[in-house]
């Protein structure tokens, strides 16, 4: 019982740090945010911050990991992976981000020295989500490409197209981008699956 209570407190503290960071990035440029700003806003100490995160870049990555888990991206069945239409959670995410004028993803060009680390970690999180989705939807022995490799490829499709979309402020509609992402994803999955004769 106290273990569950302790875990709930841990989850609340981590969430408070992430929420503080989210508030701050709407007020300041990423490079101007200090660890002290985050801890002050979250009403915690520096030692508490370092219990959960090594840097503010890790807070940004954790925020994206939580977002990917919440989204689920709707890809857990074979029908969803091979559908003509993109997953509704992807469309909704892109619409919300576009309405917010790029939201958090527009930070990509402002991350300075943290950009490579953040992009790599976000790709790893996406690939993990996609690999789990592929495993739920298909038998890996039906694929000519290991799911870990296929998932990394799909994560690249998602992250680089979305990043380019925000960075370049393309006028492409969210629905159209989601459709392109789904077509490329579907093509990769179809290519990997062993045809049954």
Protein backbone atom coordinates (compact mmCIF):
# COMPACT_ATOMS: atom_id res chain seq x y z
CA UNK A 1 0.00 0.00 0.00
CA UNK A 2 2.74 2.49 0.94
CA UNK A 3 4.69 1.37 -2.15
CA UNK A 4 1.74 2.41 -4.33
CA UNK A 5 1.48 5.69 -2.44
CA UNK A 6 5.21 6.27 -2.98
CA UNK A 7 4.86 5.54 -6.69
CA UNK A 8 1.93 7.95 -6.96
CA UNK A 9 4.04 10.66 -5.27
CA UNK A 10 6.91 9.93 -7.66
CA UNK A 11 4.55 10.18 -10.64
CA UNK A 12 3.09 13.45 -9.32
CA UNK A 13 6.53 14.99 -8.79
CA UNK A 14 7.76 13.99 -12.23
CA UNK A 15 4.55 15.29 -13.80
CA UNK A 16 4.92 18.58 -11.92
CA UNK A 17 8.44 19.04 -13.32
CA UNK A 18 7.24 18.29 -16.86
CA UNK A 19 4.29 20.67 -16.51
CA UNK A 20 6.58 23.40 -15.17
CA UNK A 21 8.85 22.96 -18.17
CA UNK A 22 5.87 23.08 -20.55
CA UNK A 23 4.73 26.35 -19.02
CA UNK A 24 8.21 27.83 -19.26
CA UNK A 25 8.71 27.01 -22.94
CA UNK A 26 5.66 29.12 -23.70
CA UNK A 27 7.28 32.02 -21.85
CA UNK A 28 10.98 31.73 -22.72
CA UNK A 29 13.27 30.40 -25.43
CA UNK A 30 14.60 26.93 -24.67
CA UNK A 31 18.23 28.06 -24.14
CA UNK A 32 17.07 30.64 -21.57
CA UNK A 33 15.36 28.05 -19.35
CA UNK A 34 17.51 27.01 -16.40
CA UNK A 35 17.05 23.99 -14.14
CA UNK A 36 16.37 26.48 -11.33
CA UNK A 37 13.47 27.94 -13.32
CA UNK A 38 11.92 24.50 -13.64
CA UNK A 39 12.36 23.56 -9.99
CA UNK A 40 11.06 26.91 -8.78
CA UNK A 41 7.96 26.62 -10.97
CA UNK A 42 7.39 23.01 -9.82
CA UNK A 43 8.05 23.95 -6.19
CA UNK A 44 10.77 21.32 -5.82
CA UNK A 45 14.51 21.32 -5.16
CA UNK A 46 17.41 20.68 -7.54
CA UNK A 47 18.15 17.29 -5.96
CA UNK A 48 14.54 16.28 -6.68
CA UNK A 49 14.94 17.35 -10.31
CA UNK A 50 18.10 15.25 -10.70
CA UNK A 51 16.35 12.23 -9.18
CA UNK A 52 14.18 12.15 -12.33
CA UNK A 53 16.17 13.90 -15.05
CA UNK A 54 19.79 14.55 -15.97
CA UNK A 55 19.07 17.74 -17.93
CA UNK A 56 16.29 19.90 -19.32
CA UNK A 57 16.72 17.98 -22.60
CA UNK A 58 15.63 14.86 -20.72
CA UNK A 59 12.48 16.68 -19.56
CA UNK A 60 11.69 17.51 -23.19
CA UNK A 61 12.25 13.88 -24.23
CA UNK A 62 10.11 12.58 -21.36
CA UNK A 63 7.34 14.93 -22.37
CA UNK A 64 7.38 13.45 -25.89
CA UNK A 65 7.49 9.87 -24.56
CA UNK A 66 4.36 10.56 -22.52
CA UNK A 67 2.70 12.11 -25.58
CA UNK A 68 3.49 9.05 -27.73
CA UNK A 69 2.10 6.70 -25.09
CA UNK A 70 -1.06 8.78 -24.79
CA UNK A 71 -1.48 8.95 -28.55
CA UNK A 72 -0.79 5.27 -29.11
CA UNK A 73 -0.96 6.40 -32.73
CA UNK A 74 -3.77 3.92 -33.31
CA UNK A 75 -1.43 1.29 -34.74
CA UNK A 76 -2.11 -1.94 -32.88
CA UNK A 77 -3.90 -4.07 -35.48
CA UNK A 78 -2.93 -5.27 -38.96
CA UNK A 79 -5.92 -3.38 -40.37
CA UNK A 80 -4.69 -0.10 -38.84
CA UNK A 81 -1.14 -0.53 -40.17
CA UNK A 82 -2.42 -1.33 -43.67
CA UNK A 83 -5.35 1.12 -43.76
CA UNK A 84 -5.74 3.66 -46.54
CA UNK A 85 -6.60 6.40 -44.04
CA UNK A 86 -4.09 7.61 -41.46
CA UNK A 87 -4.65 6.81 -37.77
CA UNK A 88 -7.11 9.32 -36.25
CA UNK A 89 -4.76 10.06 -33.28
CA UNK A 90 -2.04 11.11 -35.76
CA UNK A 91 -4.42 13.43 -37.61
CA UNK A 92 -5.65 14.93 -34.32
CA UNK A 93 -2.07 15.45 -33.07
CA UNK A 94 -1.02 17.23 -36.27
CA UNK A 95 -4.18 19.38 -36.30
CA UNK A 96 -3.59 20.45 -32.70
CA UNK A 97 0.06 21.18 -33.37
CA UNK A 98 -0.76 23.17 -36.50
CA UNK A 99 -3.40 25.15 -34.63
CA UNK A 100 -0.79 25.95 -31.96
CA UNK A 101 1.51 27.26 -34.72
CA UNK A 102 3.94 24.41 -34.38
CA UNK A 103 3.74 24.06 -30.63
CA UNK A 104 6.60 22.20 -29.03
CA UNK A 105 7.92 20.77 -32.26
CA UNK A 106 8.82 24.26 -33.47
CA UNK A 107 11.48 24.19 -30.76
CA UNK A 108 13.56 21.94 -32.98
CA UNK A 109 15.57 24.77 -34.48
CA UNK A 110 16.04 26.47 -31.09
CA UNK A 111 17.51 23.55 -29.16
CA UNK A 112 21.12 24.46 -29.89
CA UNK A 113 23.57 21.81 -28.73
CA UNK A 114 20.73 19.62 -27.41
CA UNK A 115 19.08 19.07 -30.80
CA UNK A 116 20.94 15.88 -31.76
CA UNK A 117 20.40 14.29 -28.35
CA UNK A 118 16.70 15.20 -28.24
CA UNK A 119 15.98 14.03 -31.81
CA UNK A 120 17.84 10.72 -31.22
CA UNK A 121 15.98 10.02 -27.96
CA UNK A 122 12.60 10.94 -29.47
CA UNK A 123 13.29 8.59 -32.40
CA UNK A 124 14.15 5.81 -29.94
CA UNK A 125 10.87 6.38 -28.08
CA UNK A 126 8.87 6.36 -31.32
CA UNK A 127 10.64 3.24 -32.56
CA UNK A 128 9.82 1.47 -29.28
CA UNK A 129 6.13 2.36 -29.64
CA UNK A 130 6.07 1.19 -33.26
CA UNK A 131 7.89 -2.05 -32.52
CA UNK A 132 5.35 -2.89 -29.80
CA UNK A 133 2.51 -2.06 -32.22
CA UNK A 134 3.99 -4.25 -34.93
CA UNK A 135 4.35 -7.13 -32.46
CA UNK A 136 0.68 -6.80 -31.45
CA UNK A 137 -0.48 -6.74 -35.09
CA UNK A 138 1.76 -9.25 -36.89
CA UNK A 139 3.88 -12.35 -36.33
CA UNK A 140 7.52 -11.32 -36.66
CA UNK A 141 8.34 -14.51 -38.57
CA UNK A 142 5.99 -13.24 -41.32
CA UNK A 143 8.31 -10.27 -41.87
CA UNK A 144 11.41 -10.25 -44.06
CA UNK A 145 12.74 -7.33 -41.99
CA UNK A 146 13.23 -7.59 -38.20
CA UNK A 147 10.60 -5.53 -36.39
CA UNK A 148 13.30 -3.52 -34.62
CA UNK A 149 14.66 -2.35 -37.99
CA UNK A 150 11.20 -1.82 -39.49
CA UNK A 151 10.13 0.21 -36.43
CA UNK A 152 13.21 2.43 -36.69
CA UNK A 153 12.42 3.06 -40.35
CA UNK A 154 8.83 4.01 -39.56
CA UNK A 155 9.97 6.24 -36.69
CA UNK A 156 12.19 8.03 -39.21
CA UNK A 157 9.25 8.57 -41.54
CA UNK A 158 7.21 10.10 -38.73
CA UNK A 159 9.85 12.19 -37.00
CA UNK A 160 11.66 13.62 -40.00
CA UNK A 161 8.54 14.48 -41.98
CA UNK A 162 6.89 16.11 -38.98
CA UNK A 163 10.08 17.93 -38.02
CA UNK A 164 10.51 19.26 -41.57
CA UNK A 165 6.84 20.27 -41.65
CA UNK A 166 7.20 22.40 -38.52
CA UNK A 167 10.68 23.73 -39.16
CA UNK A 168 9.89 24.87 -42.68
CA UNK A 169 6.41 26.14 -41.75
CA UNK A 170 4.97 24.31 -44.72
CA UNK A 171 1.43 25.20 -45.71
CA UNK A 172 0.60 21.52 -46.18
CA UNK A 173 -2.60 20.65 -44.30
CA UNK A 174 -2.27 18.36 -41.29
CA UNK A 175 -4.63 15.82 -42.88
CA UNK A 176 -2.54 15.71 -46.07
CA UNK A 177 0.72 15.20 -44.14
CA UNK A 178 -0.91 12.43 -42.07
CA UNK A 179 -2.01 10.78 -45.34
CA UNK A 180 1.54 10.88 -46.75
CA UNK A 181 2.95 9.45 -43.52
CA UNK A 182 0.40 6.61 -43.60
CA UNK A 183 1.12 5.81 -47.27
CA UNK A 184 4.87 5.60 -46.62
CA UNK A 185 4.34 3.56 -43.45
CA UNK A 186 1.94 1.18 -45.19
CA UNK A 187 4.41 0.71 -48.05
CA UNK A 188 7.21 -0.17 -45.60
CA UNK A 189 5.04 -2.68 -43.73
CA UNK A 190 3.74 -4.30 -46.94
CA UNK A 191 7.28 -4.62 -48.28
CA UNK A 192 8.40 -6.32 -45.09
CA UNK A 193 5.59 -8.86 -44.89
CA UNK A 194 6.18 -12.24 -46.44
CA UNK A 195 3.59 -12.92 -49.10
CA UNK A 196 1.64 -16.07 -48.41
CA UNK A 197 1.25 -18.23 -51.47
